[in-house]
Every structure is written in structure tokens, then in C-alpha cells.
Amino acid sequence: MTLIRDILRTLWRFVFFWALDTASLLLTAALVPGIHFQSADNVLAVAAAAAFLLGLINFLIRPLILLLALPFGFIAIFIVAFFLNALALGLTSQFIAGFVVSDWLAAFWGSLALAFFNTLFTSVIAVDDDDSFYQAIAERLAQREDFYAKTSTQGLVMLEIDGLSYHHMRRALDKGWMPAGCRR
């Protein structure tokens, strides 16, 4: 029963985020010049297809390219991520008939608007990370490990806080300001 519930929860989460991405794409097309939907009859279907393909492109291509940019540092990853979003939006327009991104500048501004709307929607709706894909992987891996081995000996906690002297730490322990550090 728990497997079916997990599958249904994952499916519901997928459909929910797909709908959010579709709404974000519709708002982006309404506000960013150079991005629009040609078909007036089935705009919602075209937007849903574009949101699905955009998510698929981001899922498959983005991690690989960001992994290649990793050795160049945080700034390089940040810049590459901006251009990857624009590239993904441009590629999506090439494969989905009825979804038009006129040029790379529109793709760039559209990717920023799309990221803004996605962030806005997920923060307003208060989407929790408790059920996220990566959280589930971390929990599954944590269940395999025995983190708390049962021993009869005491352990050692090493703490490094830059700028905190022994005198200040000792004073905080003596005054009870760090009750967890006083346990024996």
C-alpha cells in the first residue's frame, strides 16, 4: 500500500509542478516581448506541451552541462545556468509548434521571467521540500547507513568557529549559554 501511495504522491507532485510551469510559461509569454503562442484555439495545450518539454530538457541536459562547468567555479556555473535556461527555452520553441521565441534576447529575458514566476508560485503556495525528489533520495540512503553505532565509550565533538576563542567558549559553557555543549 505504501508503494502505491508513494507512486500516487509522486505523480500528483509531477502534475502539480507541470501545471505551475504551464502557468509560468503563459505569464512569461504574456509579458515578455518576442515570446508568444501562435495558436489561439489550444493555447493551454501548447503551453502544457512546451512546459513538459522544457522540464524534460532541463532534466536531461542541464545537469550534464553544469557538471562540466563545475571546475570553473561558482560564477561560471551561475553564468552558464543563465544561458542554459535561455537555450532550453529556445530549443523548446524549435520543437513545439505554436510556441514562438523570436530571438536569443527574448529567450534570455523569458528565462529570467519564467524563473521569477516559478519562484513566486512555489513560495506563495509554500511548496515544502519534505517531499522533494532529492529529499527522498537522501532519506533512502540514510536508512541504509547505521549512523549511531552503539558503543560503550564516549565520543568527541570537534567544533571550529573562526574568531571564537577558547576563553569565550569556556565562559559560554560556564554560564550555561550552550546547554548542549555542557552534557557529559
C-alpha atoms as a PDB file:
ATOM      1  CA  MET A   1       0.000   0.000   0.000  1.00  0.00           C
ATOM      2  CA  THR A   2       2.848   2.382   0.784  1.00  0.00           C
ATOM      3  CA  LEU A   3       4.358   1.832  -2.677  1.00  0.00           C
ATOM      4  CA  ILE A   4       1.091   2.776  -4.364  1.00  0.00           C
ATOM      5  CA  ARG A   5       0.768   5.824  -2.113  1.00  0.00           C
ATOM      6  CA  ASP A   6       4.329   6.898  -2.943  1.00  0.00           C
ATOM      7  CA  ILE A   7       3.696   6.472  -6.660  1.00  0.00           C
ATOM      8  CA  LEU A   8       0.462   8.453  -6.470  1.00  0.00           C
ATOM      9  CA  ARG A   9       2.148  11.190  -4.419  1.00  0.00           C
ATOM     10  CA  THR A  10       4.973  11.432  -6.947  1.00  0.00           C
ATOM     11  CA  LEU A  11       2.505  11.501  -9.831  1.00  0.00           C
ATOM     12  CA  TRP A  12       0.432  14.204  -8.118  1.00  0.00           C
ATOM     13  CA  ARG A  13       3.585  16.259  -7.465  1.00  0.00           C
ATOM     14  CA  PHE A  14       4.618  15.915 -11.111  1.00  0.00           C
ATOM     15  CA  VAL A  15       1.201  17.051 -12.384  1.00  0.00           C
ATOM     16  CA  PHE A  16       1.123  19.908  -9.876  1.00  0.00           C
ATOM     17  CA  PHE A  17       4.516  21.273 -10.912  1.00  0.00           C
ATOM     18  CA  TRP A  18       3.692  20.743 -14.567  1.00  0.00           C
ATOM     19  CA  ALA A  19       0.605  22.934 -14.089  1.00  0.00           C
ATOM     20  CA  LEU A  20       2.701  25.568 -12.274  1.00  0.00           C
ATOM     21  CA  ASP A  21       5.250  25.557 -15.084  1.00  0.00           C
ATOM     22  CA  THR A  22       2.450  25.864 -17.637  1.00  0.00           C
ATOM     23  CA  ALA A  23       1.023  28.881 -15.798  1.00  0.00           C
ATOM     24  CA  SER A  24       4.505  30.412 -15.533  1.00  0.00           C
ATOM     25  CA  LEU A  25       5.050  29.921 -19.252  1.00  0.00           C
ATOM     26  CA  LEU A  26       1.697  31.533 -20.079  1.00  0.00           C
ATOM     27  CA  LEU A  27       2.543  34.559 -17.913  1.00  0.00           C
ATOM     28  CA  THR A  28       6.001  34.782 -19.444  1.00  0.00           C
ATOM     29  CA  ALA A  29       4.526  34.756 -22.948  1.00  0.00           C
ATOM     30  CA  ALA A  30       2.057  37.469 -21.949  1.00  0.00           C
ATOM     31  CA  LEU A  31       4.725  39.778 -20.514  1.00  0.00           C
ATOM     32  CA  VAL A  32       7.942  39.224 -22.469  1.00  0.00           C
ATOM     33  CA  PRO A  33       8.090  40.664 -25.991  1.00  0.00           C
ATOM     34  CA  GLY A  34       9.249  38.082 -28.509  1.00  0.00           C
ATOM     35  CA  ILE A  35       7.634  35.117 -26.762  1.00  0.00           C
ATOM     36  CA  HIS A  36       4.113  34.166 -27.735  1.00  0.00           C
ATOM     37  CA  PHE A  37       1.752  31.371 -28.696  1.00  0.00           C
ATOM     38  CA  GLN A  38       0.569  31.355 -32.315  1.00  0.00           C
ATOM     39  CA  SER A  39      -2.470  29.145 -31.957  1.00  0.00           C
ATOM     40  CA  ALA A  40      -5.453  30.842 -30.334  1.00  0.00           C
ATOM     41  CA  ASP A  41      -7.541  27.646 -30.217  1.00  0.00           C
ATOM     42  CA  ASN A  42      -5.428  25.458 -27.972  1.00  0.00           C
ATOM     43  CA  VAL A  43      -3.019  27.776 -26.176  1.00  0.00           C
ATOM     44  CA  LEU A  44      -3.298  25.791 -22.952  1.00  0.00           C
ATOM     45  CA  ALA A  45      -2.400  22.519 -24.692  1.00  0.00           C
ATOM     46  CA  VAL A  46       0.571  24.113 -26.463  1.00  0.00           C
ATOM     47  CA  ALA A  47       1.717  25.735 -23.200  1.00  0.00           C
ATOM     48  CA  ALA A  48       1.417  22.408 -21.362  1.00  0.00           C
ATOM     49  CA  ALA A  49       3.409  20.635 -24.083  1.00  0.00           C
ATOM     50  CA  ALA A  50       6.046  23.375 -24.024  1.00  0.00           C
ATOM     51  CA  ALA A  51       6.269  23.245 -20.219  1.00  0.00           C
ATOM     52  CA  PHE A  52       6.674  19.460 -20.349  1.00  0.00           C
ATOM     53  CA  LEU A  53       9.413  19.618 -22.987  1.00  0.00           C
ATOM     54  CA  LEU A  54      11.154  22.479 -21.188  1.00  0.00           C
ATOM     55  CA  GLY A  55      11.182  20.419 -17.997  1.00  0.00           C
ATOM     56  CA  LEU A  56      12.498  17.402 -19.884  1.00  0.00           C
ATOM     57  CA  ILE A  57      15.284  19.434 -21.491  1.00  0.00           C
ATOM     58  CA  ASN A  58      16.230  20.900 -18.112  1.00  0.00           C
ATOM     59  CA  PHE A  59      16.131  17.444 -16.526  1.00  0.00           C
ATOM     60  CA  LEU A  60      18.310  15.754 -19.150  1.00  0.00           C
ATOM     61  CA  ILE A  61      20.738  18.373 -20.434  1.00  0.00           C
ATOM     62  CA  ARG A  62      21.167  20.935 -17.675  1.00  0.00           C
ATOM     63  CA  PRO A  63      22.879  18.712 -15.039  1.00  0.00           C
ATOM     64  CA  LEU A  64      25.445  17.473 -17.557  1.00  0.00           C
ATOM     65  CA  ILE A  65      26.450  20.929 -18.737  1.00  0.00           C
ATOM     66  CA  LEU A  66      26.519  22.331 -15.205  1.00  0.00           C
ATOM     67  CA  LEU A  67      28.714  19.413 -14.188  1.00  0.00           C
ATOM     68  CA  LEU A  68      31.136  20.369 -16.960  1.00  0.00           C
ATOM     69  CA  ALA A  69      31.144  23.980 -15.695  1.00  0.00           C
ATOM     70  CA  LEU A  70      31.781  22.896 -12.093  1.00  0.00           C
ATOM     71  CA  PRO A  71      35.605  23.097 -12.238  1.00  0.00           C
ATOM     72  CA  PHE A  72      35.392  26.754 -13.288  1.00  0.00           C
ATOM     73  CA  GLY A  73      33.781  27.895 -10.045  1.00  0.00           C
ATOM     74  CA  PHE A  74      30.541  29.348  -8.779  1.00  0.00           C
ATOM     75  CA  ILE A  75      30.453  32.416 -11.030  1.00  0.00           C
ATOM     76  CA  ALA A  76      30.921  30.271 -14.128  1.00  0.00           C
ATOM     77  CA  ILE A  77      28.106  27.954 -13.048  1.00  0.00           C
ATOM     78  CA  PHE A  78      25.879  30.967 -12.416  1.00  0.00           C
ATOM     79  CA  ILE A  79      26.560  32.443 -15.866  1.00  0.00           C
ATOM     80  CA  VAL A  80      26.245  29.083 -17.619  1.00  0.00           C
ATOM     81  CA  ALA A  81      22.926  28.457 -15.844  1.00  0.00           C
ATOM     82  CA  PHE A  82      21.505  31.729 -17.183  1.00  0.00           C
ATOM     83  CA  PHE A  83      22.451  30.837 -20.732  1.00  0.00           C
ATOM     84  CA  LEU A  84      21.241  27.261 -20.311  1.00  0.00           C
ATOM     85  CA  ASN A  85      17.797  28.498 -19.326  1.00  0.00           C
ATOM     86  CA  ALA A  86      17.679  30.692 -22.426  1.00  0.00           C
ATOM     87  CA  LEU A  87      18.954  27.829 -24.581  1.00  0.00           C
ATOM     88  CA  ALA A  88      16.344  25.450 -23.157  1.00  0.00           C
ATOM     89  CA  LEU A  89      13.584  27.973 -23.871  1.00  0.00           C
ATOM     90  CA  GLY A  90      14.865  28.454 -27.429  1.00  0.00           C
ATOM     91  CA  LEU A  91      15.114  24.697 -28.011  1.00  0.00           C
ATOM     92  CA  THR A  92      11.602  24.209 -26.710  1.00  0.00           C
ATOM     93  CA  SER A  93      10.290  26.729 -29.224  1.00  0.00           C
ATOM     94  CA  GLN A  94      12.013  24.814 -32.029  1.00  0.00           C
ATOM     95  CA  PHE A  95      10.264  21.561 -31.148  1.00  0.00           C
ATOM     96  CA  ILE A  96       6.782  22.762 -30.142  1.00  0.00           C
ATOM     97  CA  ALA A  97       4.641  24.088 -32.983  1.00  0.00           C
ATOM     98  CA  GLY A  98       2.698  27.138 -31.878  1.00  0.00           C
ATOM     99  CA  PHE A  99       5.231  28.271 -29.262  1.00  0.00           C
ATOM    100  CA  VAL A 100       7.471  31.036 -30.596  1.00  0.00           C
ATOM    101  CA  VAL A 101      10.616  32.556 -29.137  1.00  0.00           C
ATOM    102  CA  SER A 102      11.746  35.138 -31.685  1.00  0.00           C
ATOM    103  CA  ASP A 103      15.411  35.586 -30.737  1.00  0.00           C
ATOM    104  CA  TRP A 104      18.042  34.897 -28.088  1.00  0.00           C
ATOM    105  CA  LEU A 105      17.388  38.134 -26.247  1.00  0.00           C
ATOM    106  CA  ALA A 106      13.734  37.176 -25.860  1.00  0.00           C
ATOM    107  CA  ALA A 107      14.843  33.715 -24.715  1.00  0.00           C
ATOM    108  CA  PHE A 108      17.156  35.266 -22.129  1.00  0.00           C
ATOM    109  CA  TRP A 109      14.528  37.645 -20.710  1.00  0.00           C
ATOM    110  CA  GLY A 110      11.932  34.914 -20.951  1.00  0.00           C
ATOM    111  CA  SER A 111      14.084  32.518 -18.947  1.00  0.00           C
ATOM    112  CA  LEU A 112      14.507  35.146 -16.225  1.00  0.00           C
ATOM    113  CA  ALA A 113      10.757  35.835 -16.180  1.00  0.00           C
ATOM    114  CA  LEU A 114      10.000  32.114 -16.113  1.00  0.00           C
ATOM    115  CA  ALA A 115      12.362  31.604 -13.179  1.00  0.00           C
ATOM    116  CA  PHE A 116      10.766  34.563 -11.385  1.00  0.00           C
ATOM    117  CA  PHE A 117       7.228  33.228 -11.852  1.00  0.00           C
ATOM    118  CA  ASN A 118       8.224  29.701 -10.811  1.00  0.00           C
ATOM    119  CA  THR A 119       9.879  31.069  -7.678  1.00  0.00           C
ATOM    120  CA  LEU A 120       6.901  33.280  -6.933  1.00  0.00           C
ATOM    121  CA  PHE A 121       4.372  30.466  -7.360  1.00  0.00           C
ATOM    122  CA  THR A 122       6.303  27.933  -5.314  1.00  0.00           C
ATOM    123  CA  SER A 123       6.907  30.405  -2.484  1.00  0.00           C
ATOM    124  CA  VAL A 124       3.297  31.661  -2.403  1.00  0.00           C
ATOM    125  CA  ILE A 125       1.935  28.136  -2.403  1.00  0.00           C
ATOM    126  CA  ALA A 126       4.590  27.226   0.180  1.00  0.00           C
ATOM    127  CA  VAL A 127       5.756  24.109  -1.564  1.00  0.00           C
ATOM    128  CA  ASP A 128       7.611  22.127   1.037  1.00  0.00           C
ATOM    129  CA  ASP A 129      10.892  20.368   0.333  1.00  0.00           C
ATOM    130  CA  ASP A 130       9.893  17.479   2.592  1.00  0.00           C
ATOM    131  CA  ASP A 131       8.510  15.523  -0.348  1.00  0.00           C
ATOM    132  CA  SER A 132      11.128  16.557  -2.858  1.00  0.00           C
ATOM    133  CA  PHE A 133      12.874  14.034  -5.050  1.00  0.00           C
ATOM    134  CA  TYR A 134      16.291  14.775  -3.560  1.00  0.00           C
ATOM    135  CA  GLN A 135      14.954  14.645  -0.008  1.00  0.00           C
ATOM    136  CA  ALA A 136      13.551  11.180  -0.727  1.00  0.00           C
ATOM    137  CA  ILE A 137      16.915  10.020  -2.077  1.00  0.00           C
ATOM    138  CA  ALA A 138      18.723  11.378   0.999  1.00  0.00           C
ATOM    139  CA  GLU A 139      16.273   9.649   3.334  1.00  0.00           C
ATOM    140  CA  ARG A 140      16.572   6.362   1.444  1.00  0.00           C
ATOM    141  CA  LEU A 141      20.373   6.500   1.640  1.00  0.00           C
ATOM    142  CA  ALA A 142      20.234   7.450   5.326  1.00  0.00           C
ATOM    143  CA  GLN A 143      18.114   4.390   6.107  1.00  0.00           C
ATOM    144  CA  ARG A 144      20.839   2.144   4.710  1.00  0.00           C
ATOM    145  CA  GLU A 145      23.520   3.609   6.980  1.00  0.00           C
ATOM    146  CA  ASP A 146      23.942   2.921  10.684  1.00  0.00           C
ATOM    147  CA  PHE A 147      24.856   6.420  11.820  1.00  0.00           C
ATOM    148  CA  TYR A 148      24.553   5.780  15.508  1.00  0.00           C
ATOM    149  CA  ALA A 149      26.691   2.785  16.281  1.00  0.00           C
ATOM    150  CA  LYS A 150      26.069   1.544  19.784  1.00  0.00           C
ATOM    151  CA  THR A 151      29.285   1.748  21.791  1.00  0.00           C
ATOM    152  CA  SER A 152      30.050   1.988  25.471  1.00  0.00           C
ATOM    153  CA  THR A 153      32.738   4.650  25.022  1.00  0.00           C
ATOM    154  CA  GLN A 154      32.319   8.388  24.922  1.00  0.00           C
ATOM    155  CA  GLY A 155      32.699  10.325  21.700  1.00  0.00           C
ATOM    156  CA  LEU A 156      34.471  13.520  20.810  1.00  0.00           C
ATOM    157  CA  VAL A 157      32.910  16.552  19.170  1.00  0.00           C
ATOM    158  CA  MET A 158      35.302  18.868  17.382  1.00  0.00           C
ATOM    159  CA  LEU A 159      33.985  22.324  16.633  1.00  0.00           C
ATOM    160  CA  GLU A 160      35.721  25.048  14.674  1.00  0.00           C
ATOM    161  CA  ILE A 161      34.245  28.512  14.687  1.00  0.00           C
ATOM    162  CA  ASP A 162      36.527  31.146  13.221  1.00  0.00           C
ATOM    163  CA  GLY A 163      37.036  34.048  15.575  1.00  0.00           C
ATOM    164  CA  LEU A 164      35.770  32.229  18.673  1.00  0.00           C
ATOM    165  CA  SER A 165      38.466  31.936  21.310  1.00  0.00           C
ATOM    166  CA  TYR A 166      38.791  29.285  23.988  1.00  0.00           C
ATOM    167  CA  HIS A 167      38.093  31.925  26.646  1.00  0.00           C
ATOM    168  CA  HIS A 168      34.758  32.902  25.093  1.00  0.00           C
ATOM    169  CA  MET A 169      33.729  29.275  24.595  1.00  0.00           C
ATOM    170  CA  ARG A 170      34.630  28.378  28.197  1.00  0.00           C
ATOM    171  CA  ARG A 171      32.664  31.385  29.501  1.00  0.00           C
ATOM    172  CA  ALA A 172      29.581  30.427  27.458  1.00  0.00           C
ATOM    173  CA  LEU A 173      29.765  26.856  28.770  1.00  0.00           C
ATOM    174  CA  ASP A 174      30.212  28.002  32.384  1.00  0.00           C
ATOM    175  CA  LYS A 175      27.257  30.409  32.222  1.00  0.00           C
ATOM    176  CA  GLY A 176      25.018  27.779  30.639  1.00  0.00           C
ATOM    177  CA  TRP A 177      24.594  29.634  27.355  1.00  0.00           C
ATOM    178  CA  MET A 178      25.452  26.425  25.496  1.00  0.00           C
ATOM    179  CA  PRO A 179      23.493  23.737  27.351  1.00  0.00           C
ATOM    180  CA  ALA A 180      24.019  21.115  24.668  1.00  0.00           C
ATOM    181  CA  GLY A 181      27.772  21.599  24.998  1.00  0.00           C
ATOM    182  CA  CYS A 182      27.669  21.002  28.775  1.00  0.00           C
ATOM    183  CA  ARG A 183      26.270  17.468  28.573  1.00  0.00           C
ATOM    184  CA  ARG A 184      28.543  14.749  29.848  1.00  0.00           C
END
